[in-house]
Amino acid sequence: MNNLIALFDMDDTLCDTTGQKIRDVERYLPNEKNFSVDYCSPECTLQIRTLLRHTLSQPGWWENLRKLEDGFELYDLMRAEEITTEIVTKMPKTYPLALWEKLSWCKKNTPDADNINLTLKKRRYPGDLLIDDWPSYVTGWLDYNKKGIAILPLREWNKDYQAPRAVHYTGKNMEVIRTLLEELKQSKNLQL
């Protein structure tokens, strides 16, 4: 392994958490229109929040989330480049079963990860790269990791996010990511 460390978010980066929430609402509340599964949104009604609290606490919900292709394209690239890969995922405070199931999901889908971290504050984890979809987590991590670079798999909620040390991965700009990795490797080797 070279001396670079890539930290991977799990939810909506490696697995389809939001998509599953939407599918749950569409399945159990088929007449809902123009809804949101973001608890902070006014379109996330009390009925939707109640449904999600119920479905997210069911055995198997977290463990069986679908893999996201673009997140795994980045993960596979880091492994191929022999970059240390760690999963750093936020612990859901209200779903105790999720702790075990997230760990189980990671062991099943990323068995070659160098480490799996369940945390409340991912921003404090040191690394060279953070691969995460959520803008506020990216900003917090970049603030703590002054030389770090963030890669955001493109999502509807992060498409307008911009930061000097952040780049979106669109699924079509892998060469940009490869160039970024080469620059990081060279920079790190110069520091040694």
Protein backbone atom coordinates (compact mmCIF):
# COMPACT_ATOMS: atom_id res chain seq x y z
CA MET A 1 0.00 0.00 0.00
CA ASN A 2 1.12 3.54 -0.60
CA ASN A 3 0.72 6.06 2.19
CA LEU A 4 -2.57 7.65 1.05
CA ILE A 5 -5.75 7.11 3.06
CA ALA A 6 -9.23 7.32 1.52
CA LEU A 7 -12.21 7.56 3.85
CA PHE A 8 -15.54 6.36 2.45
CA ASP A 9 -18.97 7.34 3.67
CA MET A 10 -21.52 4.54 3.53
CA ASP A 11 -25.04 6.03 3.23
CA ASP A 12 -25.78 7.40 -0.27
CA THR A 13 -22.12 7.02 -1.22
CA LEU A 14 -21.65 3.25 -1.18
CA CYS A 15 -25.27 2.22 -0.54
CA ASP A 16 -28.66 3.55 -1.57
CA THR A 17 -30.15 4.75 1.73
CA THR A 18 -32.26 7.61 0.34
CA GLY A 19 -33.47 5.50 -2.58
CA GLN A 20 -34.67 2.79 -0.19
CA LYS A 21 -36.49 5.36 1.95
CA ILE A 22 -38.25 6.65 -1.18
CA ARG A 23 -39.17 3.11 -2.24
CA ASP A 24 -40.58 2.49 1.25
CA VAL A 25 -42.79 5.58 1.08
CA GLU A 26 -43.96 4.69 -2.43
CA ARG A 27 -44.75 1.14 -1.32
CA TYR A 28 -46.59 1.89 1.91
CA LEU A 29 -48.05 5.31 1.04
CA PRO A 30 -48.73 4.99 -2.71
CA ASN A 31 -50.90 8.13 -2.83
CA GLU A 32 -48.14 10.42 -1.49
CA LYS A 33 -46.98 12.95 -4.08
CA ASN A 34 -44.20 15.56 -3.92
CA PHE A 35 -42.81 14.16 -0.69
CA SER A 36 -39.37 14.26 0.85
CA VAL A 37 -37.58 11.71 3.04
CA ASP A 38 -35.35 14.42 4.51
CA TYR A 39 -36.68 14.92 8.05
CA CYS A 40 -35.79 18.63 7.90
CA SER A 41 -37.89 19.27 4.80
CA PRO A 42 -41.47 20.56 5.08
CA GLU A 43 -42.43 17.93 2.47
CA CYS A 44 -41.48 15.21 4.97
CA THR A 45 -44.81 14.97 6.75
CA LEU A 46 -45.43 13.44 10.16
CA GLN A 47 -46.92 10.40 8.40
CA ILE A 48 -43.73 9.91 6.36
CA ARG A 49 -41.46 10.41 9.37
CA THR A 50 -43.50 7.86 11.32
CA LEU A 51 -43.35 5.36 8.47
CA LEU A 52 -39.56 5.81 8.11
CA ARG A 53 -38.99 5.41 11.84
CA HIS A 54 -40.85 2.12 11.61
CA THR A 55 -39.18 0.77 8.44
CA LEU A 56 -35.64 1.84 9.40
CA SER A 57 -35.94 -0.02 12.69
CA GLN A 58 -36.94 -3.30 11.01
CA PRO A 59 -34.37 -6.13 11.02
CA GLY A 60 -32.53 -6.31 7.71
CA TRP A 61 -33.29 -2.76 6.53
CA TRP A 62 -29.73 -1.42 6.85
CA GLU A 63 -28.00 -4.71 6.15
CA ASN A 64 -29.74 -5.21 2.80
CA LEU A 65 -29.31 -1.77 1.24
CA ARG A 66 -28.41 -1.78 -2.46
CA LYS A 67 -24.89 -0.96 -3.57
CA LEU A 68 -24.37 2.24 -5.56
CA GLU A 69 -22.37 1.77 -8.75
CA ASP A 70 -20.59 5.14 -8.75
CA GLY A 71 -19.51 4.79 -5.12
CA PHE A 72 -18.06 1.38 -5.86
CA GLU A 73 -16.30 2.66 -8.98
CA LEU A 74 -14.41 5.03 -6.67
CA TYR A 75 -13.90 2.33 -4.04
CA ASP A 76 -12.53 -0.12 -6.61
CA LEU A 77 -10.22 2.57 -7.99
CA MET A 78 -8.75 3.25 -4.55
CA ARG A 79 -8.20 -0.47 -3.97
CA ALA A 80 -6.58 -0.87 -7.41
CA GLU A 81 -4.30 2.08 -6.65
CA GLU A 82 -3.36 0.40 -3.34
CA ILE A 83 -4.71 3.31 -1.32
CA THR A 84 -5.70 2.50 2.24
CA THR A 85 -9.50 2.44 2.34
CA GLU A 86 -11.51 2.99 5.47
CA ILE A 87 -15.26 3.18 5.89
CA VAL A 88 -16.32 6.08 8.13
CA THR A 89 -20.08 6.07 8.62
CA LYS A 90 -22.27 8.01 10.96
CA MET A 91 -24.13 6.09 13.65
CA PRO A 92 -27.88 6.63 13.57
CA LYS A 93 -28.77 7.73 17.10
CA THR A 94 -32.36 6.47 16.97
CA TYR A 95 -31.86 3.03 15.39
CA PRO A 96 -29.74 0.80 17.66
CA LEU A 97 -30.06 -2.15 15.26
CA ALA A 98 -28.50 -0.02 12.53
CA LEU A 99 -25.10 -0.13 14.28
CA TRP A 100 -24.80 -3.89 13.87
CA GLU A 101 -26.41 -3.94 10.44
CA LYS A 102 -24.18 -1.18 9.04
CA LEU A 103 -21.14 -3.09 10.24
CA SER A 104 -22.55 -6.28 8.71
CA TRP A 105 -23.25 -4.47 5.40
CA CYS A 106 -19.67 -3.24 5.27
CA LYS A 107 -18.22 -6.64 6.05
CA LYS A 108 -20.34 -8.19 3.30
CA ASN A 109 -19.81 -5.51 0.62
CA THR A 110 -16.36 -4.12 1.45
CA PRO A 111 -14.56 -7.11 3.02
CA ASP A 112 -11.19 -5.75 1.90
CA ALA A 113 -11.60 -2.38 3.63
CA ASP A 114 -8.66 -1.63 5.86
CA ASN A 115 -10.92 -0.39 8.67
CA ILE A 116 -14.59 0.22 9.45
CA ASN A 117 -15.46 3.14 11.72
CA LEU A 118 -18.91 3.88 13.17
CA THR A 119 -18.87 7.39 14.59
CA LEU A 120 -20.87 10.46 15.51
CA LYS A 121 -18.18 12.87 14.22
CA LYS A 122 -16.54 11.71 11.01
CA ARG A 123 -14.89 15.09 10.44
CA ARG A 124 -12.14 14.25 12.94
CA TYR A 125 -10.91 11.19 11.06
CA PRO A 126 -7.58 11.98 9.39
CA GLY A 127 -7.07 11.07 5.78
CA ASP A 128 -6.03 12.34 2.39
CA LEU A 129 -9.40 11.81 0.69
CA LEU A 130 -12.99 11.81 1.82
CA ILE A 131 -15.55 10.26 -0.49
CA ASP A 132 -18.93 11.47 0.79
CA ASP A 133 -22.21 12.70 -0.69
CA TRP A 134 -23.30 15.06 2.09
CA PRO A 135 -22.05 18.69 1.80
CA SER A 136 -22.03 19.57 5.51
CA TYR A 137 -19.97 16.45 6.36
CA VAL A 138 -17.55 17.30 3.54
CA THR A 139 -17.20 20.90 4.76
CA GLY A 140 -16.61 19.77 8.35
CA TRP A 141 -14.01 17.24 7.27
CA LEU A 142 -12.20 19.71 5.01
CA ASP A 143 -12.06 22.19 7.92
CA TYR A 144 -10.31 19.59 10.11
CA ASN A 145 -8.13 18.11 7.35
CA LYS A 146 -6.45 21.17 5.88
CA LYS A 147 -4.65 19.23 3.13
CA GLY A 148 -7.43 16.76 2.41
CA ILE A 149 -9.40 16.45 -0.82
CA ALA A 150 -13.09 15.52 -1.01
CA ILE A 151 -14.81 13.62 -3.79
CA LEU A 152 -18.59 13.83 -3.86
CA PRO A 153 -20.51 11.27 -5.90
CA LEU A 154 -22.97 13.52 -7.71
CA ARG A 155 -26.40 13.60 -6.06
CA GLU A 156 -29.36 15.96 -6.38
CA TRP A 157 -28.61 17.41 -2.92
CA ASN A 158 -24.93 18.16 -3.62
CA LYS A 159 -24.93 19.25 -7.26
CA ASP A 160 -24.43 22.93 -6.34
CA TYR A 161 -21.79 22.30 -3.67
CA GLN A 162 -18.44 23.91 -4.32
CA ALA A 163 -15.26 24.04 -2.26
CA PRO A 164 -11.65 24.66 -3.30
CA ARG A 165 -10.58 21.11 -2.36
CA ALA A 166 -13.68 19.25 -3.51
CA VAL A 167 -14.67 17.66 -6.81
CA HIS A 168 -17.81 15.86 -7.94
CA TYR A 169 -17.62 12.40 -9.44
CA THR A 170 -20.20 12.23 -12.21
CA GLY A 171 -19.53 8.71 -13.41
CA LYS A 172 -18.03 10.21 -16.57
CA ASN A 173 -14.99 12.03 -15.18
CA MET A 174 -12.84 9.17 -13.91
CA GLU A 175 -9.78 10.69 -15.62
CA VAL A 176 -10.18 13.79 -13.44
CA ILE A 177 -10.18 11.56 -10.36
CA ARG A 178 -7.15 9.59 -11.58
CA THR A 179 -5.25 12.84 -12.20
CA LEU A 180 -6.19 14.06 -8.72
CA LEU A 181 -4.85 10.82 -7.21
CA GLU A 182 -1.56 11.13 -9.09
CA GLU A 183 -1.15 14.71 -7.87
CA LEU A 184 -1.89 13.62 -4.30
CA LYS A 185 0.63 10.78 -4.52
CA GLN A 186 3.33 13.11 -5.84
CA SER A 187 2.58 15.72 -3.20
CA LYS A 188 2.69 13.13 -0.41
CA ASN A 189 5.99 11.69 -1.71
CA LEU A 190 7.54 15.17 -1.74
CA GLN A 191 6.54 15.66 1.89
CA LEU A 192 8.33 12.46 2.96
